[in-house]
Every structure is written in C-alpha cells, then in structure tokens.
Amino acid sequence: MESTRLLSCLATDFARLRSVAVHDLDAAVPSCPGWTVADLVRHVGVVYLHKVECMRQQAFPDPWPPDLDGEESIALLDRGYATVRSEFAERSPADPAATFIDHDQTVGFWIRRMAQETVIHRVDAELAVGQPIAPIPDDLGVDGIDEILTLFIGYAARKWPQEFEPALKDTAGWTVAVTCGGQSWLVTATRGGVDVTTGATGDADATISGEPGTVLRWLWARTGADDRAEALRVSGDQAAITGLRAVLAVATL
C-alpha cells in the first residue's frame, strides 16, 4: 500500500479507537487478557511515542519508556498520535529509521506498522465495550495479512528461532494456504522454522480464506461473536490449523 493511503487508514482507525475507548475506560479487553481499555489506549500512545524516537534517534530508545504515570490515558493517546503524525509529516517514507527488520530501515516501515497496530487495537476497543466492529478496508486487510505472515512469522521465525522453537519442536511439518482479496500465501512449517511463499497455495494441508478484514482478525485472534460465518472459511487438517495458531501466538504476543 502507498504510504498516503496507510496514513489515511491510520487517521480513520485512530479516530474510531478514541471514540470507542471513551465509552468505558474500565472495561476489560477480552483479546488482551489483564488489560482494561485505559491500559489499551496507554499502550497505543506509548507505541506512537516510541516510533517517534526510532525516527529521531535512528536507534531504539534506551531506556524506555519514560515516566508517564502522571498522564491521563486519553491525553497520552492524543499526544502520542499528534506527535507521530507530525514526525511522519516532516519525513519521507524513504528516510531512514531504526526498525526491527534488517531489510527495511525506513520511515515507511513505521507508517505501515502504525496503521496496522492501530486497526487491530481499535478492534480490541470495540470488542471490549461491545461496539460494532467497523469494517476493515480490503486493501488494509490484505496488507495486514501480508505483514503478519511474511514478517511476524516468516521473517521472525528465522531471525529469532529460539522464540518459535517450542511451537515447532513437535511438528512433523504442515502447510496452510491463506487466500483473500485475489492474493495468496503458503505457510510451511518445519522444526527448523517457517517459510512463507507469497502468490502460492500449493498442496496445503488446510486453507483459510474469506474477506480480508475477517481473515486479518482471525490471524490476530480478534474474531467476534457476531462475525458472519460466510466471511471466513477454515477447512482441512485441524492439526495444521492448530499448528498455525501456535506459531501466531508466539508472533503476536
């Protein structure tokens, strides 16, 4: 996705997150056990501020986070968002920034990541306060699926194999095809790691398909009781689905 489009989605989902959160800051967030909505919005605000420092310092800030205990949660969310948007406006997506991906050390990486971070956390807020889950645009959904599969699983499992070893140590190998929005990914897991091939489905043990936003929420374990059954289709070997879920749990903690 183009950075301008990602920034537009970021603005929309931030506004939705904020408007939903103020309904009940004390509500428990079922998709983030142990958090209240106040904790959720504080987290998002701190994440925004962290990315600002990654751009300004060209390094991950250390120590982190600063002492923010005296700042009210919504005020912190507002300040974080205003600051990160200002920083994005002053830089080109191609400008350098410290990231956790070796092959993409750019501001554009954080524009994408903050758009995806915000859409998932606004879903968290909606689930917490019982508000309808606003649709996720198809292009943002497809982009988020690509991010979680290729970076959070494929890249991360090779970069930090020790983190994924418990989820893979007993596997005999499985493949899951993910298809939506005219795109596809083949996830192949072995004891040694996870490979993700874009644009392929192959002879998969299981398949996940459906509307992009719904597939994205399934991958992030953010499905709701009112989801339409036809929006998501999961078929094939349940052991492969369970294996993918185990890997996702490592990648999305």
C-alpha atoms as a PDB file:
ATOM      1  CA  MET A   1       0.000   0.000   0.000  1.00  0.00           C
ATOM      2  CA  GLU A   2       1.074   3.566  -0.636  1.00  0.00           C
ATOM      3  CA  SER A   3       2.094   5.498   2.461  1.00  0.00           C
ATOM      4  CA  THR A   4      -0.539   8.163   1.825  1.00  0.00           C
ATOM      5  CA  ARG A   5      -3.248   5.514   1.899  1.00  0.00           C
ATOM      6  CA  LEU A   6      -1.808   3.951   5.051  1.00  0.00           C
ATOM      7  CA  LEU A   7      -1.770   7.353   6.755  1.00  0.00           C
ATOM      8  CA  SER A   8      -5.430   7.842   5.799  1.00  0.00           C
ATOM      9  CA  CYS A   9      -6.313   4.472   7.325  1.00  0.00           C
ATOM     10  CA  LEU A  10      -4.285   5.339  10.425  1.00  0.00           C
ATOM     11  CA  ALA A  11      -6.275   8.544  10.883  1.00  0.00           C
ATOM     12  CA  THR A  12      -9.607   6.763  10.495  1.00  0.00           C
ATOM     13  CA  ASP A  13      -8.763   3.958  12.905  1.00  0.00           C
ATOM     14  CA  PHE A  14      -7.253   6.306  15.473  1.00  0.00           C
ATOM     15  CA  ALA A  15     -10.454   8.349  15.486  1.00  0.00           C
ATOM     16  CA  ARG A  16     -12.540   5.194  15.850  1.00  0.00           C
ATOM     17  CA  LEU A  17     -10.304   3.832  18.626  1.00  0.00           C
ATOM     18  CA  ARG A  18     -10.556   7.062  20.574  1.00  0.00           C
ATOM     19  CA  SER A  19     -14.311   7.436  20.152  1.00  0.00           C
ATOM     20  CA  VAL A  20     -14.933   3.856  21.267  1.00  0.00           C
ATOM     21  CA  ALA A  21     -12.478   3.916  24.166  1.00  0.00           C
ATOM     22  CA  VAL A  22     -14.070   6.859  25.959  1.00  0.00           C
ATOM     23  CA  HIS A  23     -17.294   4.853  26.373  1.00  0.00           C
ATOM     24  CA  ASP A  24     -15.737   2.785  29.170  1.00  0.00           C
ATOM     25  CA  LEU A  25     -12.076   3.059  30.080  1.00  0.00           C
ATOM     26  CA  ASP A  26     -12.538   0.494  32.852  1.00  0.00           C
ATOM     27  CA  ALA A  27     -13.873  -2.257  30.579  1.00  0.00           C
ATOM     28  CA  ALA A  28     -11.803  -5.425  30.328  1.00  0.00           C
ATOM     29  CA  VAL A  29     -10.264  -6.149  26.926  1.00  0.00           C
ATOM     30  CA  PRO A  30     -11.019  -9.816  26.154  1.00  0.00           C
ATOM     31  CA  SER A  31      -8.439 -10.029  23.378  1.00  0.00           C
ATOM     32  CA  CYS A  32      -5.697  -8.624  25.665  1.00  0.00           C
ATOM     33  CA  PRO A  33      -6.138 -10.511  28.960  1.00  0.00           C
ATOM     34  CA  GLY A  34      -5.370  -8.416  32.008  1.00  0.00           C
ATOM     35  CA  TRP A  35      -5.828  -5.093  30.245  1.00  0.00           C
ATOM     36  CA  THR A  36      -8.548  -2.513  30.616  1.00  0.00           C
ATOM     37  CA  VAL A  37      -9.420  -0.095  27.826  1.00  0.00           C
ATOM     38  CA  ALA A  38      -7.354   2.518  29.670  1.00  0.00           C
ATOM     39  CA  ASP A  39      -4.352   0.167  29.520  1.00  0.00           C
ATOM     40  CA  LEU A  40      -5.013  -0.397  25.821  1.00  0.00           C
ATOM     41  CA  VAL A  41      -5.026   3.265  24.866  1.00  0.00           C
ATOM     42  CA  ARG A  42      -1.977   3.959  27.040  1.00  0.00           C
ATOM     43  CA  HIS A  43      -0.168   1.179  25.206  1.00  0.00           C
ATOM     44  CA  VAL A  44      -1.031   2.663  21.814  1.00  0.00           C
ATOM     45  CA  GLY A  45       0.039   6.138  22.912  1.00  0.00           C
ATOM     46  CA  VAL A  46       3.381   4.832  24.192  1.00  0.00           C
ATOM     47  CA  VAL A  47       3.928   2.852  20.981  1.00  0.00           C
ATOM     48  CA  TYR A  48       3.408   6.016  18.930  1.00  0.00           C
ATOM     49  CA  LEU A  49       5.947   7.906  21.054  1.00  0.00           C
ATOM     50  CA  HIS A  50       8.441   5.034  20.792  1.00  0.00           C
ATOM     51  CA  LYS A  51       8.332   5.148  16.990  1.00  0.00           C
ATOM     52  CA  VAL A  52       8.944   8.887  17.075  1.00  0.00           C
ATOM     53  CA  GLU A  53      12.182   8.252  18.941  1.00  0.00           C
ATOM     54  CA  CYS A  54      13.137   5.481  16.497  1.00  0.00           C
ATOM     55  CA  MET A  55      12.968   8.101  13.767  1.00  0.00           C
ATOM     56  CA  ARG A  56      14.597  10.935  15.697  1.00  0.00           C
ATOM     57  CA  GLN A  57      17.430   8.951  17.273  1.00  0.00           C
ATOM     58  CA  GLN A  58      17.951   6.479  14.415  1.00  0.00           C
ATOM     59  CA  ALA A  59      18.074   3.856  17.160  1.00  0.00           C
ATOM     60  CA  PHE A  60      15.760   2.164  19.614  1.00  0.00           C
ATOM     61  CA  PRO A  61      15.444   4.479  22.613  1.00  0.00           C
ATOM     62  CA  ASP A  62      17.090   3.206  25.768  1.00  0.00           C
ATOM     63  CA  PRO A  63      15.977   3.463  28.496  1.00  0.00           C
ATOM     64  CA  TRP A  64      12.325   3.124  27.598  1.00  0.00           C
ATOM     65  CA  PRO A  65       9.581   4.015  28.419  1.00  0.00           C
ATOM     66  CA  PRO A  66       9.867   7.380  30.148  1.00  0.00           C
ATOM     67  CA  ASP A  67       7.867   8.056  33.291  1.00  0.00           C
ATOM     68  CA  LEU A  68       4.324   8.691  32.054  1.00  0.00           C
ATOM     69  CA  ASP A  69       2.402   7.722  35.182  1.00  0.00           C
ATOM     70  CA  GLY A  70       1.059  11.228  35.723  1.00  0.00           C
ATOM     71  CA  GLU A  71      -0.516  11.487  32.277  1.00  0.00           C
ATOM     72  CA  GLU A  72      -4.168  10.503  31.815  1.00  0.00           C
ATOM     73  CA  SER A  73      -4.668   7.688  29.302  1.00  0.00           C
ATOM     74  CA  ILE A  74      -6.681   9.530  26.625  1.00  0.00           C
ATOM     75  CA  ALA A  75      -4.402  12.550  26.873  1.00  0.00           C
ATOM     76  CA  LEU A  76      -1.405  10.265  26.348  1.00  0.00           C
ATOM     77  CA  LEU A  77      -3.091   8.657  23.356  1.00  0.00           C
ATOM     78  CA  ASP A  78      -3.825  12.066  21.840  1.00  0.00           C
ATOM     79  CA  ARG A  79      -0.291  13.329  22.423  1.00  0.00           C
ATOM     80  CA  GLY A  80       1.279  10.190  21.019  1.00  0.00           C
ATOM     81  CA  TYR A  81      -0.832  10.322  17.888  1.00  0.00           C
ATOM     82  CA  ALA A  82      -0.263  14.039  17.290  1.00  0.00           C
ATOM     83  CA  THR A  83       3.475  13.593  17.754  1.00  0.00           C
ATOM     84  CA  VAL A  84       3.867  10.609  15.457  1.00  0.00           C
ATOM     85  CA  ARG A  85       1.747  12.208  12.740  1.00  0.00           C
ATOM     86  CA  SER A  86       3.843  15.362  12.949  1.00  0.00           C
ATOM     87  CA  GLU A  87       7.009  13.285  12.670  1.00  0.00           C
ATOM     88  CA  PHE A  88       5.670  11.406   9.654  1.00  0.00           C
ATOM     89  CA  ALA A  89       4.740  14.719   8.007  1.00  0.00           C
ATOM     90  CA  GLU A  90       8.310  16.007   8.376  1.00  0.00           C
ATOM     91  CA  ARG A  91       9.900  12.955   6.779  1.00  0.00           C
ATOM     92  CA  SER A  92       9.729  10.985   3.541  1.00  0.00           C
ATOM     93  CA  PRO A  93       8.724   7.318   3.714  1.00  0.00           C
ATOM     94  CA  ALA A  94      12.153   6.508   2.263  1.00  0.00           C
ATOM     95  CA  ASP A  95      14.011   8.338   5.040  1.00  0.00           C
ATOM     96  CA  PRO A  96      15.982   6.163   7.474  1.00  0.00           C
ATOM     97  CA  ALA A  97      14.586   4.963  10.777  1.00  0.00           C
ATOM     98  CA  ALA A  98      15.536   2.231  13.218  1.00  0.00           C
ATOM     99  CA  THR A  99      13.243  -0.809  12.862  1.00  0.00           C
ATOM    100  CA  PHE A 100      13.351  -4.465  13.883  1.00  0.00           C
ATOM    101  CA  ILE A 101      13.522  -5.648  10.251  1.00  0.00           C
ATOM    102  CA  ASP A 102      17.034  -5.756   8.824  1.00  0.00           C
ATOM    103  CA  HIS A 103      15.972  -5.219   5.221  1.00  0.00           C
ATOM    104  CA  ASP A 104      13.636  -2.274   5.853  1.00  0.00           C
ATOM    105  CA  GLN A 105      15.084   0.510   7.990  1.00  0.00           C
ATOM    106  CA  THR A 106      12.770   3.272   6.781  1.00  0.00           C
ATOM    107  CA  VAL A 107      10.088   5.648   7.979  1.00  0.00           C
ATOM    108  CA  GLY A 108       7.712   3.901   5.582  1.00  0.00           C
ATOM    109  CA  PHE A 109       8.032   0.730   7.646  1.00  0.00           C
ATOM    110  CA  TRP A 110       6.687   2.566  10.700  1.00  0.00           C
ATOM    111  CA  ILE A 111       3.888   4.192   8.711  1.00  0.00           C
ATOM    112  CA  ARG A 112       2.720   0.725   7.727  1.00  0.00           C
ATOM    113  CA  ARG A 113       3.252  -0.731  11.195  1.00  0.00           C
ATOM    114  CA  MET A 114       1.361   2.072  12.957  1.00  0.00           C
ATOM    115  CA  ALA A 115      -1.579   1.740  10.557  1.00  0.00           C
ATOM    116  CA  GLN A 116      -1.747  -1.988  11.270  1.00  0.00           C
ATOM    117  CA  GLU A 117      -1.151  -1.548  15.007  1.00  0.00           C
ATOM    118  CA  THR A 118      -3.997   0.928  15.220  1.00  0.00           C
ATOM    119  CA  VAL A 119      -6.595  -1.056  13.279  1.00  0.00           C
ATOM    120  CA  ILE A 120      -6.055  -4.133  15.463  1.00  0.00           C
ATOM    121  CA  HIS A 121      -6.217  -2.142  18.681  1.00  0.00           C
ATOM    122  CA  ARG A 122      -9.359  -0.305  17.649  1.00  0.00           C
ATOM    123  CA  VAL A 123     -10.902  -3.766  17.175  1.00  0.00           C
ATOM    124  CA  ASP A 124      -9.716  -4.572  20.712  1.00  0.00           C
ATOM    125  CA  ALA A 125     -11.557  -1.498  21.985  1.00  0.00           C
ATOM    126  CA  GLU A 126     -14.713  -2.408  20.064  1.00  0.00           C
ATOM    127  CA  LEU A 127     -14.678  -5.921  21.497  1.00  0.00           C
ATOM    128  CA  ALA A 128     -14.127  -4.540  24.994  1.00  0.00           C
ATOM    129  CA  VAL A 129     -17.021  -2.086  25.066  1.00  0.00           C
ATOM    130  CA  GLY A 130     -19.427  -4.090  22.929  1.00  0.00           C
ATOM    131  CA  GLN A 131     -19.445  -1.695  19.989  1.00  0.00           C
ATOM    132  CA  PRO A 132     -19.934  -2.957  16.407  1.00  0.00           C
ATOM    133  CA  ILE A 133     -16.661  -3.831  14.722  1.00  0.00           C
ATOM    134  CA  ALA A 134     -16.214  -1.302  11.956  1.00  0.00           C
ATOM    135  CA  PRO A 135     -15.239  -2.813   8.591  1.00  0.00           C
ATOM    136  CA  ILE A 136     -11.550  -3.070   7.751  1.00  0.00           C
ATOM    137  CA  PRO A 137     -10.934  -1.863   4.183  1.00  0.00           C
ATOM    138  CA  ASP A 138      -9.937  -4.683   1.864  1.00  0.00           C
ATOM    139  CA  ASP A 139      -6.604  -3.125   0.916  1.00  0.00           C
ATOM    140  CA  LEU A 140      -5.640  -2.576   4.551  1.00  0.00           C
ATOM    141  CA  GLY A 141      -6.736  -6.115   5.385  1.00  0.00           C
ATOM    142  CA  VAL A 142      -4.637  -7.670   2.612  1.00  0.00           C
ATOM    143  CA  ASP A 143      -1.648  -5.557   3.612  1.00  0.00           C
ATOM    144  CA  GLY A 144      -2.024  -6.619   7.240  1.00  0.00           C
ATOM    145  CA  ILE A 145      -2.241 -10.284   6.288  1.00  0.00           C
ATOM    146  CA  ASP A 146       0.955  -9.938   4.274  1.00  0.00           C
ATOM    147  CA  GLU A 147       2.671  -8.228   7.215  1.00  0.00           C
ATOM    148  CA  ILE A 148       1.732 -10.811   9.822  1.00  0.00           C
ATOM    149  CA  LEU A 149       2.581 -13.777   7.605  1.00  0.00           C
ATOM    150  CA  THR A 150       5.772 -12.601   5.895  1.00  0.00           C
ATOM    151  CA  LEU A 151       7.274 -10.535   8.728  1.00  0.00           C
ATOM    152  CA  PHE A 152       5.777 -11.613  12.039  1.00  0.00           C
ATOM    153  CA  ILE A 153       6.001 -15.312  11.149  1.00  0.00           C
ATOM    154  CA  GLY A 154       8.265 -15.916   8.140  1.00  0.00           C
ATOM    155  CA  TYR A 155      10.976 -13.373   8.947  1.00  0.00           C
ATOM    156  CA  ALA A 156      10.734 -13.578  12.727  1.00  0.00           C
ATOM    157  CA  ALA A 157      10.911 -17.379  12.899  1.00  0.00           C
ATOM    158  CA  ARG A 158      14.256 -17.268  11.072  1.00  0.00           C
ATOM    159  CA  LYS A 159      15.575 -14.213  12.900  1.00  0.00           C
ATOM    160  CA  TRP A 160      14.632 -15.391  16.395  1.00  0.00           C
ATOM    161  CA  PRO A 161      14.319 -19.190  16.116  1.00  0.00           C
ATOM    162  CA  GLN A 162      14.593 -19.706  19.864  1.00  0.00           C
ATOM    163  CA  GLU A 163      11.290 -17.896  20.352  1.00  0.00           C
ATOM    164  CA  PHE A 164       9.474 -20.213  17.953  1.00  0.00           C
ATOM    165  CA  GLU A 165      11.189 -23.478  18.855  1.00  0.00           C
ATOM    166  CA  PRO A 166       8.593 -24.547  21.470  1.00  0.00           C
ATOM    167  CA  ALA A 167       5.771 -24.121  18.937  1.00  0.00           C
ATOM    168  CA  LEU A 168       7.644 -26.056  16.244  1.00  0.00           C
ATOM    169  CA  LYS A 169       9.616 -28.710  18.104  1.00  0.00           C
ATOM    170  CA  ASP A 170       6.937 -31.408  17.887  1.00  0.00           C
ATOM    171  CA  THR A 171       5.704 -30.679  14.377  1.00  0.00           C
ATOM    172  CA  ALA A 172       6.088 -33.194  11.585  1.00  0.00           C
ATOM    173  CA  GLY A 173       5.585 -30.328   9.141  1.00  0.00           C
ATOM    174  CA  TRP A 174       2.378 -28.685   7.956  1.00  0.00           C
ATOM    175  CA  THR A 175       1.239 -26.246   5.307  1.00  0.00           C
ATOM    176  CA  VAL A 176      -1.610 -23.753   5.427  1.00  0.00           C
ATOM    177  CA  ALA A 177      -2.791 -21.698   2.464  1.00  0.00           C
ATOM    178  CA  VAL A 178      -4.255 -18.260   3.162  1.00  0.00           C
ATOM    179  CA  THR A 179      -6.237 -16.690   0.328  1.00  0.00           C
ATOM    180  CA  CYS A 180      -8.253 -13.491   0.086  1.00  0.00           C
ATOM    181  CA  GLY A 181      -8.596 -10.344  -1.949  1.00  0.00           C
ATOM    182  CA  GLY A 182      -7.116 -12.034  -5.004  1.00  0.00           C
ATOM    183  CA  GLN A 183      -3.873 -12.803  -3.174  1.00  0.00           C
ATOM    184  CA  SER A 184      -2.453 -15.905  -1.529  1.00  0.00           C
ATOM    185  CA  TRP A 185       0.246 -17.059   0.842  1.00  0.00           C
ATOM    186  CA  LEU A 186       1.523 -20.554   1.588  1.00  0.00           C
ATOM    187  CA  VAL A 187       2.773 -21.033   5.136  1.00  0.00           C
ATOM    188  CA  THR A 188       5.042 -24.060   5.547  1.00  0.00           C
ATOM    189  CA  ALA A 189       6.291 -25.040   8.995  1.00  0.00           C
ATOM    190  CA  THR A 190       9.041 -27.462   9.943  1.00  0.00           C
ATOM    191  CA  ARG A 191      11.026 -27.991  13.104  1.00  0.00           C
ATOM    192  CA  GLY A 192      13.614 -25.617  11.692  1.00  0.00           C
ATOM    193  CA  GLY A 193      11.351 -22.650  11.030  1.00  0.00           C
ATOM    194  CA  VAL A 194       8.529 -21.250   8.958  1.00  0.00           C
ATOM    195  CA  ASP A 195       8.601 -20.387   5.255  1.00  0.00           C
ATOM    196  CA  VAL A 196       6.003 -18.094   3.717  1.00  0.00           C
ATOM    197  CA  THR A 197       5.625 -18.020  -0.061  1.00  0.00           C
ATOM    198  CA  THR A 198       3.585 -15.170  -1.500  1.00  0.00           C
ATOM    199  CA  GLY A 199       1.403 -15.894  -4.501  1.00  0.00           C
ATOM    200  CA  ALA A 200       1.231 -19.648  -3.946  1.00  0.00           C
ATOM    201  CA  THR A 201      -1.181 -22.107  -2.395  1.00  0.00           C
ATOM    202  CA  GLY A 202       0.414 -25.428  -3.306  1.00  0.00           C
ATOM    203  CA  ASP A 203      -0.865 -28.696  -1.895  1.00  0.00           C
ATOM    204  CA  ALA A 204      -1.817 -27.315   1.519  1.00  0.00           C
ATOM    205  CA  ASP A 205      -2.979 -29.353   4.493  1.00  0.00           C
ATOM    206  CA  ALA A 206      -5.505 -26.640   5.359  1.00  0.00           C
ATOM    207  CA  THR A 207      -6.904 -23.449   3.885  1.00  0.00           C
ATOM    208  CA  ILE A 208      -8.081 -20.157   5.358  1.00  0.00           C
ATOM    209  CA  SER A 209     -10.000 -17.825   3.074  1.00  0.00           C
ATOM    210  CA  GLY A 210     -12.604 -15.099   3.189  1.00  0.00           C
ATOM    211  CA  GLU A 211     -12.973 -11.351   3.380  1.00  0.00           C
ATOM    212  CA  PRO A 212      -9.584  -9.686   4.019  1.00  0.00           C
ATOM    213  CA  GLY A 213     -10.596  -7.880   7.188  1.00  0.00           C
ATOM    214  CA  THR A 214     -12.072 -11.015   8.710  1.00  0.00           C
ATOM    215  CA  VAL A 215      -9.050 -13.134   7.799  1.00  0.00           C
ATOM    216  CA  LEU A 216      -6.785 -10.483   9.325  1.00  0.00           C
ATOM    217  CA  ARG A 217      -8.762 -10.501  12.560  1.00  0.00           C
ATOM    218  CA  TRP A 218      -8.659 -14.317  12.645  1.00  0.00           C
ATOM    219  CA  LEU A 219      -4.880 -14.262  12.315  1.00  0.00           C
ATOM    220  CA  TRP A 220      -4.677 -11.790  15.212  1.00  0.00           C
ATOM    221  CA  ALA A 221      -7.251 -13.773  17.262  1.00  0.00           C
ATOM    222  CA  ARG A 222      -9.666 -10.827  17.208  1.00  0.00           C
ATOM    223  CA  THR A 223     -12.815 -12.524  15.952  1.00  0.00           C
ATOM    224  CA  GLY A 224     -16.169 -11.609  17.490  1.00  0.00           C
ATOM    225  CA  ALA A 225     -19.358 -13.488  18.283  1.00  0.00           C
ATOM    226  CA  ASP A 226     -21.268 -11.528  15.636  1.00  0.00           C
ATOM    227  CA  ASP A 227     -18.906 -12.347  12.754  1.00  0.00           C
ATOM    228  CA  ARG A 228     -20.685 -13.655   9.679  1.00  0.00           C
ATOM    229  CA  ALA A 229     -19.877 -17.296   9.033  1.00  0.00           C
ATOM    230  CA  GLU A 230     -19.556 -16.708   5.292  1.00  0.00           C
ATOM    231  CA  ALA A 231     -16.873 -14.046   5.811  1.00  0.00           C
ATOM    232  CA  LEU A 232     -14.323 -16.666   6.914  1.00  0.00           C
ATOM    233  CA  ARG A 233     -13.763 -20.225   5.739  1.00  0.00           C
ATOM    234  CA  VAL A 234     -11.378 -22.567   7.537  1.00  0.00           C
ATOM    235  CA  SER A 235     -11.026 -26.056   6.102  1.00  0.00           C
ATOM    236  CA  GLY A 236      -8.683 -29.025   6.038  1.00  0.00           C
ATOM    237  CA  ASP A 237      -6.466 -30.652   8.646  1.00  0.00           C
ATOM    238  CA  GLN A 238      -7.248 -29.278  12.093  1.00  0.00           C
ATOM    239  CA  ALA A 239      -3.742 -30.153  13.281  1.00  0.00           C
ATOM    240  CA  ALA A 240      -2.307 -27.747  10.694  1.00  0.00           C
ATOM    241  CA  ILE A 241      -4.673 -25.005  11.840  1.00  0.00           C
ATOM    242  CA  THR A 242      -3.669 -25.674  15.453  1.00  0.00           C
ATOM    243  CA  GLY A 243      -0.015 -25.502  14.439  1.00  0.00           C
ATOM    244  CA  LEU A 244      -0.513 -22.161  12.732  1.00  0.00           C
ATOM    245  CA  ARG A 245      -2.346 -20.873  15.787  1.00  0.00           C
ATOM    246  CA  ALA A 246       0.600 -21.876  17.987  1.00  0.00           C
ATOM    247  CA  VAL A 247       3.047 -20.016  15.753  1.00  0.00           C
ATOM    248  CA  LEU A 248       0.766 -16.973  15.635  1.00  0.00           C
ATOM    249  CA  ALA A 249       0.588 -16.945  19.431  1.00  0.00           C
ATOM    250  CA  VAL A 250       4.374 -16.547  19.556  1.00  0.00           C
ATOM    251  CA  ALA A 251       4.428 -13.866  16.867  1.00  0.00           C
ATOM    252  CA  THR A 252       1.588 -11.740  18.238  1.00  0.00           C
ATOM    253  CA  LEU A 253       2.214 -11.705  21.988  1.00  0.00           C
END
